[in-house]
Amino acid sequence: MGICGALASVTRNMGVFLVFAVLAFCIQQYLRQAKELGNRPGLPGFLVWVFQKPRLVLGTFLVPFGLFSYMAYLDWLLGDGLAFAHVQIAWQRTPGNPLLSLISGLNTLGANEFYFALWALVALYLCCRQALRRNVDSVVGFLFILIPLSTSILCMPRYAACCFPVIEEAADVLVSKGRLEKVFWYGFLLLLGVVTTWQWFCNNPVMA
């Protein structure tokens, strides 16, 4: 887990947020075990439970190690360990309110931004559906969608299409819904894919 997380965070800064999925999983497991044993859950008990598992602690600390290594390299090369974040200012991508970015995209019916907003909306719906089933993968799903959405609506197709919790839940939707709902989702996803592919052929920034 730690090695895979480190590789994810060294290749893409979003990878460091996998550590929150580990934290959510640990909390879920601790609460389940405390309930089975009849113990009262609390922060001290959770910390004791975690630190009794040294391999888990090591693996968790390895996840951000990849990003920190890359930051050290950038500091040595450029004198700025956060150059990967600062360069986004030149692309007019500064963090803001992701919901405002989503609403702004939905208000541009027919424009490219409208289709990007649909991608984000579908991804957030699938993450909510996953969260209601208490699946800890939804933590990563929300982070992987909301964080890039806070900077720009343009990046949504690639973030939604490559977010593994979203793909996992989309597959679950297609196999568990009724026939009418299944036809709707197959048709909607097909239409979204066709439109996005057409935009890509037209050199529109669908994968910006």
C-alpha atoms as a PDB file:
ATOM      1  CA  MET A   1       0.000   0.000   0.000  1.00  0.00           C
ATOM      2  CA  GLY A   2       2.723   2.436   0.966  1.00  0.00           C
ATOM      3  CA  ILE A   3       4.853   1.751  -2.119  1.00  0.00           C
ATOM      4  CA  CYS A   4       1.874   2.088  -4.478  1.00  0.00           C
ATOM      5  CA  GLY A   5       0.817   5.292  -2.709  1.00  0.00           C
ATOM      6  CA  ALA A   6       4.346   6.710  -2.938  1.00  0.00           C
ATOM      7  CA  LEU A   7       4.475   5.950  -6.664  1.00  0.00           C
ATOM      8  CA  ALA A   8       1.072   7.600  -7.119  1.00  0.00           C
ATOM      9  CA  SER A   9       2.081  10.768  -5.256  1.00  0.00           C
ATOM     10  CA  VAL A  10       5.453  11.106  -7.003  1.00  0.00           C
ATOM     11  CA  THR A  11       3.860  10.926 -10.453  1.00  0.00           C
ATOM     12  CA  ARG A  12       0.812  13.094  -9.721  1.00  0.00           C
ATOM     13  CA  ASN A  13       0.314  15.417  -6.760  1.00  0.00           C
ATOM     14  CA  MET A  14      -3.302  14.205  -6.431  1.00  0.00           C
ATOM     15  CA  GLY A  15      -1.885  10.825  -5.426  1.00  0.00           C
ATOM     16  CA  VAL A  16      -0.990  12.135  -1.984  1.00  0.00           C
ATOM     17  CA  PHE A  17      -4.698  12.309  -1.125  1.00  0.00           C
ATOM     18  CA  LEU A  18      -4.851   8.510  -1.108  1.00  0.00           C
ATOM     19  CA  VAL A  19      -3.710   8.825   2.486  1.00  0.00           C
ATOM     20  CA  PHE A  20      -7.208  10.062   3.397  1.00  0.00           C
ATOM     21  CA  ALA A  21      -8.716   6.837   2.069  1.00  0.00           C
ATOM     22  CA  VAL A  22      -6.377   4.917   4.363  1.00  0.00           C
ATOM     23  CA  LEU A  23      -7.431   7.114   7.294  1.00  0.00           C
ATOM     24  CA  ALA A  24     -11.132   6.610   6.518  1.00  0.00           C
ATOM     25  CA  PHE A  25     -10.619   2.848   6.257  1.00  0.00           C
ATOM     26  CA  CYS A  26      -8.781   2.757   9.597  1.00  0.00           C
ATOM     27  CA  ILE A  27     -11.559   4.715  11.314  1.00  0.00           C
ATOM     28  CA  GLN A  28     -14.177   2.407   9.807  1.00  0.00           C
ATOM     29  CA  GLN A  29     -12.325  -0.710  10.954  1.00  0.00           C
ATOM     30  CA  TYR A  30     -11.687   0.698  14.426  1.00  0.00           C
ATOM     31  CA  LEU A  31     -15.348   1.599  14.960  1.00  0.00           C
ATOM     32  CA  ARG A  32     -16.448  -1.820  13.747  1.00  0.00           C
ATOM     33  CA  GLN A  33     -14.033  -3.599  16.079  1.00  0.00           C
ATOM     34  CA  ALA A  34     -14.968  -1.378  19.035  1.00  0.00           C
ATOM     35  CA  LYS A  35     -18.646  -2.178  18.450  1.00  0.00           C
ATOM     36  CA  GLU A  36     -17.962  -5.918  18.286  1.00  0.00           C
ATOM     37  CA  LEU A  37     -15.968  -5.816  21.540  1.00  0.00           C
ATOM     38  CA  GLY A  38     -18.456  -3.532  23.280  1.00  0.00           C
ATOM     39  CA  ASN A  39     -15.838  -0.811  23.818  1.00  0.00           C
ATOM     40  CA  ARG A  40     -16.557   2.901  23.765  1.00  0.00           C
ATOM     41  CA  PRO A  41     -14.790   4.427  20.739  1.00  0.00           C
ATOM     42  CA  GLY A  42     -12.675   7.539  21.192  1.00  0.00           C
ATOM     43  CA  LEU A  43      -9.580   9.304  19.865  1.00  0.00           C
ATOM     44  CA  PRO A  44      -7.157   7.851  22.477  1.00  0.00           C
ATOM     45  CA  GLY A  45      -8.419   4.347  21.744  1.00  0.00           C
ATOM     46  CA  PHE A  46      -8.114   4.935  18.011  1.00  0.00           C
ATOM     47  CA  LEU A  47      -4.502   6.117  18.342  1.00  0.00           C
ATOM     48  CA  VAL A  48      -3.602   3.087  20.435  1.00  0.00           C
ATOM     49  CA  TRP A  49      -5.301   0.821  17.873  1.00  0.00           C
ATOM     50  CA  VAL A  50      -3.346   2.408  15.008  1.00  0.00           C
ATOM     51  CA  PHE A  51       0.087   2.439  16.623  1.00  0.00           C
ATOM     52  CA  GLN A  52      -0.258  -1.230  17.519  1.00  0.00           C
ATOM     53  CA  LYS A  53       0.080  -1.836  13.766  1.00  0.00           C
ATOM     54  CA  PRO A  54       3.579  -0.616  12.799  1.00  0.00           C
ATOM     55  CA  ARG A  55       3.313  -1.870   9.208  1.00  0.00           C
ATOM     56  CA  LEU A  56       0.125   0.161   8.750  1.00  0.00           C
ATOM     57  CA  VAL A  57       1.826   3.273  10.144  1.00  0.00           C
ATOM     58  CA  LEU A  58       4.853   2.774   7.878  1.00  0.00           C
ATOM     59  CA  GLY A  59       2.674   2.239   4.831  1.00  0.00           C
ATOM     60  CA  THR A  60       0.645   5.372   5.591  1.00  0.00           C
ATOM     61  CA  PHE A  61       3.755   7.518   5.975  1.00  0.00           C
ATOM     62  CA  LEU A  62       5.129   6.174   2.695  1.00  0.00           C
ATOM     63  CA  VAL A  63       2.185   7.556   0.691  1.00  0.00           C
ATOM     64  CA  PRO A  64       3.252  11.252   0.846  1.00  0.00           C
ATOM     65  CA  PHE A  65       6.940  10.293   0.604  1.00  0.00           C
ATOM     66  CA  GLY A  66       6.720  10.323  -3.193  1.00  0.00           C
ATOM     67  CA  LEU A  67       5.423  13.899  -3.327  1.00  0.00           C
ATOM     68  CA  PHE A  68       7.949  15.092  -0.753  1.00  0.00           C
ATOM     69  CA  SER A  69      10.737  13.524  -2.807  1.00  0.00           C
ATOM     70  CA  TYR A  70       9.536  15.344  -5.920  1.00  0.00           C
ATOM     71  CA  MET A  71       9.308  18.617  -3.970  1.00  0.00           C
ATOM     72  CA  ALA A  72      12.894  18.133  -2.788  1.00  0.00           C
ATOM     73  CA  TYR A  73      13.960  17.571  -6.400  1.00  0.00           C
ATOM     74  CA  LEU A  74      12.175  20.744  -7.559  1.00  0.00           C
ATOM     75  CA  ASP A  75      13.777  22.703  -4.734  1.00  0.00           C
ATOM     76  CA  TRP A  76      17.210  21.458  -5.817  1.00  0.00           C
ATOM     77  CA  LEU A  77      16.518  22.112  -9.508  1.00  0.00           C
ATOM     78  CA  LEU A  78      14.544  25.373  -9.377  1.00  0.00           C
ATOM     79  CA  GLY A  79      14.742  26.620  -5.816  1.00  0.00           C
ATOM     80  CA  ASP A  80      10.959  26.223  -5.476  1.00  0.00           C
ATOM     81  CA  GLY A  81       9.552  23.006  -4.053  1.00  0.00           C
ATOM     82  CA  LEU A  82       6.013  24.085  -4.968  1.00  0.00           C
ATOM     83  CA  ALA A  83       6.782  24.993  -8.585  1.00  0.00           C
ATOM     84  CA  PHE A  84       4.191  22.463  -9.793  1.00  0.00           C
ATOM     85  CA  ALA A  85       1.499  24.496  -8.009  1.00  0.00           C
ATOM     86  CA  HIS A  86       2.845  27.972  -8.735  1.00  0.00           C
ATOM     87  CA  VAL A  87       3.032  27.328 -12.494  1.00  0.00           C
ATOM     88  CA  GLN A  88      -0.743  26.910 -12.603  1.00  0.00           C
ATOM     89  CA  ILE A  89      -1.096  30.659 -12.063  1.00  0.00           C
ATOM     90  CA  ALA A  90       0.197  31.143 -15.614  1.00  0.00           C
ATOM     91  CA  TRP A  91      -2.613  28.840 -16.823  1.00  0.00           C
ATOM     92  CA  GLN A  92      -5.164  30.928 -14.884  1.00  0.00           C
ATOM     93  CA  ARG A  93      -5.873  28.007 -12.578  1.00  0.00           C
ATOM     94  CA  THR A  94      -6.068  29.236  -9.029  1.00  0.00           C
ATOM     95  CA  PRO A  95      -8.059  27.456  -6.300  1.00  0.00           C
ATOM     96  CA  GLY A  96     -11.603  28.666  -5.728  1.00  0.00           C
ATOM     97  CA  ASN A  97     -15.063  27.369  -4.853  1.00  0.00           C
ATOM     98  CA  PRO A  98     -15.688  24.101  -6.764  1.00  0.00           C
ATOM     99  CA  LEU A  99     -19.482  24.475  -6.526  1.00  0.00           C
ATOM    100  CA  LEU A 100     -19.332  27.918  -8.140  1.00  0.00           C
ATOM    101  CA  SER A 101     -17.203  26.462 -10.914  1.00  0.00           C
ATOM    102  CA  LEU A 102     -19.775  23.693 -11.420  1.00  0.00           C
ATOM    103  CA  ILE A 103     -22.739  26.092 -11.468  1.00  0.00           C
ATOM    104  CA  SER A 104     -20.915  28.379 -13.879  1.00  0.00           C
ATOM    105  CA  GLY A 105     -20.389  25.455 -16.252  1.00  0.00           C
ATOM    106  CA  LEU A 106     -24.017  24.331 -16.039  1.00  0.00           C
ATOM    107  CA  ASN A 107     -25.161  27.840 -16.952  1.00  0.00           C
ATOM    108  CA  THR A 108     -23.430  27.639 -20.350  1.00  0.00           C
ATOM    109  CA  LEU A 109     -25.890  25.339 -22.143  1.00  0.00           C
ATOM    110  CA  GLY A 110     -24.459  24.146 -25.459  1.00  0.00           C
ATOM    111  CA  ALA A 111     -20.924  25.365 -24.742  1.00  0.00           C
ATOM    112  CA  ASN A 112     -17.951  23.101 -24.048  1.00  0.00           C
ATOM    113  CA  GLU A 113     -18.049  24.018 -20.366  1.00  0.00           C
ATOM    114  CA  PHE A 114     -21.599  22.637 -20.081  1.00  0.00           C
ATOM    115  CA  TYR A 115     -20.451  19.142 -21.106  1.00  0.00           C
ATOM    116  CA  PHE A 116     -17.495  19.373 -18.742  1.00  0.00           C
ATOM    117  CA  ALA A 117     -19.913  20.279 -15.943  1.00  0.00           C
ATOM    118  CA  LEU A 118     -22.053  17.239 -16.795  1.00  0.00           C
ATOM    119  CA  TRP A 119     -19.001  15.038 -16.326  1.00  0.00           C
ATOM    120  CA  ALA A 120     -18.416  16.578 -12.895  1.00  0.00           C
ATOM    121  CA  LEU A 121     -22.087  16.279 -11.950  1.00  0.00           C
ATOM    122  CA  VAL A 122     -22.245  12.586 -12.865  1.00  0.00           C
ATOM    123  CA  ALA A 123     -18.990  11.898 -11.003  1.00  0.00           C
ATOM    124  CA  LEU A 124     -20.249  13.663  -7.856  1.00  0.00           C
ATOM    125  CA  TYR A 125     -23.543  11.747  -8.007  1.00  0.00           C
ATOM    126  CA  LEU A 126     -21.655   8.453  -8.180  1.00  0.00           C
ATOM    127  CA  CYS A 127     -19.441   9.503  -5.261  1.00  0.00           C
ATOM    128  CA  CYS A 128     -22.537  10.399  -3.191  1.00  0.00           C
ATOM    129  CA  ARG A 129     -24.078   7.047  -4.024  1.00  0.00           C
ATOM    130  CA  GLN A 130     -20.882   5.342  -2.915  1.00  0.00           C
ATOM    131  CA  ALA A 131     -20.744   7.367   0.312  1.00  0.00           C
ATOM    132  CA  LEU A 132     -24.308   6.366   1.213  1.00  0.00           C
ATOM    133  CA  ARG A 133     -23.159   2.732   1.116  1.00  0.00           C
ATOM    134  CA  ARG A 134     -20.288   3.677   3.480  1.00  0.00           C
ATOM    135  CA  ASN A 135     -17.654   2.789   0.939  1.00  0.00           C
ATOM    136  CA  VAL A 136     -14.395   4.534   1.933  1.00  0.00           C
ATOM    137  CA  ASP A 137     -13.422   4.838  -1.741  1.00  0.00           C
ATOM    138  CA  SER A 138     -15.880   7.741  -1.905  1.00  0.00           C
ATOM    139  CA  VAL A 139     -13.429   9.830   0.146  1.00  0.00           C
ATOM    140  CA  VAL A 140     -10.882   9.625  -2.660  1.00  0.00           C
ATOM    141  CA  GLY A 141     -13.595  10.122  -5.261  1.00  0.00           C
ATOM    142  CA  PHE A 142     -14.769  13.415  -3.762  1.00  0.00           C
ATOM    143  CA  LEU A 143     -11.198  14.685  -3.359  1.00  0.00           C
ATOM    144  CA  PHE A 144     -10.182  13.698  -6.894  1.00  0.00           C
ATOM    145  CA  ILE A 145     -13.192  15.567  -8.336  1.00  0.00           C
ATOM    146  CA  LEU A 146     -13.636  18.587  -6.066  1.00  0.00           C
ATOM    147  CA  ILE A 147      -9.971  19.621  -5.891  1.00  0.00           C
ATOM    148  CA  PRO A 148      -9.427  19.940  -9.675  1.00  0.00           C
ATOM    149  CA  LEU A 149     -12.957  21.372 -10.018  1.00  0.00           C
ATOM    150  CA  SER A 150     -11.897  24.185  -7.682  1.00  0.00           C
ATOM    151  CA  THR A 151      -9.340  25.345 -10.266  1.00  0.00           C
ATOM    152  CA  SER A 152     -11.128  24.807 -13.589  1.00  0.00           C
ATOM    153  CA  ILE A 153     -14.098  23.088 -15.200  1.00  0.00           C
ATOM    154  CA  LEU A 154     -11.993  22.223 -18.262  1.00  0.00           C
ATOM    155  CA  CYS A 155     -10.218  19.289 -16.627  1.00  0.00           C
ATOM    156  CA  MET A 156     -13.340  17.393 -15.618  1.00  0.00           C
ATOM    157  CA  PRO A 157     -13.585  14.738 -18.386  1.00  0.00           C
ATOM    158  CA  ARG A 158     -10.175  13.268 -17.686  1.00  0.00           C
ATOM    159  CA  TYR A 159     -10.522  13.499 -13.906  1.00  0.00           C
ATOM    160  CA  ALA A 160     -13.941  11.829 -13.928  1.00  0.00           C
ATOM    161  CA  ALA A 161     -13.023   9.188 -16.518  1.00  0.00           C
ATOM    162  CA  CYS A 162      -9.774   8.257 -14.737  1.00  0.00           C
ATOM    163  CA  CYS A 163     -11.035   8.328 -11.133  1.00  0.00           C
ATOM    164  CA  PHE A 164     -11.186   4.696 -10.017  1.00  0.00           C
ATOM    165  CA  PRO A 165     -13.966   5.136  -7.397  1.00  0.00           C
ATOM    166  CA  VAL A 166     -16.151   6.790 -10.060  1.00  0.00           C
ATOM    167  CA  ILE A 167     -15.485   3.973 -12.546  1.00  0.00           C
ATOM    168  CA  GLU A 168     -16.146   1.383  -9.831  1.00  0.00           C
ATOM    169  CA  GLU A 169     -19.478   2.944  -8.885  1.00  0.00           C
ATOM    170  CA  ALA A 170     -20.518   3.498 -12.510  1.00  0.00           C
ATOM    171  CA  ALA A 171     -20.030  -0.217 -13.138  1.00  0.00           C
ATOM    172  CA  ASP A 172     -22.106  -1.007 -10.051  1.00  0.00           C
ATOM    173  CA  VAL A 173     -24.895   1.304 -11.256  1.00  0.00           C
ATOM    174  CA  LEU A 174     -25.049  -0.390 -14.647  1.00  0.00           C
ATOM    175  CA  VAL A 175     -25.412  -3.880 -13.186  1.00  0.00           C
ATOM    176  CA  SER A 176     -27.702  -3.122 -10.240  1.00  0.00           C
ATOM    177  CA  LYS A 177     -30.330  -0.749 -11.625  1.00  0.00           C
ATOM    178  CA  GLY A 178     -33.653  -1.765 -13.165  1.00  0.00           C
ATOM    179  CA  ARG A 179     -34.080  -2.144 -16.896  1.00  0.00           C
ATOM    180  CA  LEU A 180     -35.440   1.369 -17.511  1.00  0.00           C
ATOM    181  CA  GLU A 181     -32.760   3.032 -15.381  1.00  0.00           C
ATOM    182  CA  LYS A 182     -30.095   0.875 -17.014  1.00  0.00           C
ATOM    183  CA  VAL A 183     -31.210   2.002 -20.490  1.00  0.00           C
ATOM    184  CA  PHE A 184     -31.086   5.629 -19.307  1.00  0.00           C
ATOM    185  CA  TRP A 185     -27.567   5.321 -17.898  1.00  0.00           C
ATOM    186  CA  TYR A 186     -26.206   3.411 -20.894  1.00  0.00           C
ATOM    187  CA  GLY A 187     -27.724   6.016 -23.222  1.00  0.00           C
ATOM    188  CA  PHE A 188     -26.555   8.972 -21.154  1.00  0.00           C
ATOM    189  CA  LEU A 189     -22.979   7.717 -20.811  1.00  0.00           C
ATOM    190  CA  LEU A 190     -22.860   6.821 -24.509  1.00  0.00           C
ATOM    191  CA  LEU A 191     -24.080  10.309 -25.476  1.00  0.00           C
ATOM    192  CA  LEU A 192     -21.604  11.958 -23.105  1.00  0.00           C
ATOM    193  CA  GLY A 193     -18.792   9.843 -24.537  1.00  0.00           C
ATOM    194  CA  VAL A 194     -19.738  10.578 -28.154  1.00  0.00           C
ATOM    195  CA  VAL A 195     -19.977  14.333 -27.544  1.00  0.00           C
ATOM    196  CA  THR A 196     -16.681  14.391 -25.670  1.00  0.00           C
ATOM    197  CA  THR A 197     -14.936  12.339 -28.384  1.00  0.00           C
ATOM    198  CA  TRP A 198     -16.304  14.665 -31.067  1.00  0.00           C
ATOM    199  CA  GLN A 199     -15.003  17.671 -29.135  1.00  0.00           C
ATOM    200  CA  TRP A 200     -11.599  16.029 -28.925  1.00  0.00           C
ATOM    201  CA  PHE A 201     -11.510  15.569 -32.713  1.00  0.00           C
ATOM    202  CA  CYS A 202     -12.459  19.249 -33.028  1.00  0.00           C
ATOM    203  CA  ASN A 203      -9.405  20.179 -30.890  1.00  0.00           C
ATOM    204  CA  ASN A 204     -11.498  21.403 -27.970  1.00  0.00           C
ATOM    205  CA  PRO A 205      -9.818  21.150 -24.516  1.00  0.00           C
ATOM    206  CA  VAL A 206     -11.783  18.125 -23.278  1.00  0.00           C
ATOM    207  CA  MET A 207      -8.662  16.719 -21.642  1.00  0.00           C
ATOM    208  CA  ALA A 208      -7.051  20.012 -20.624  1.00  0.00           C
END
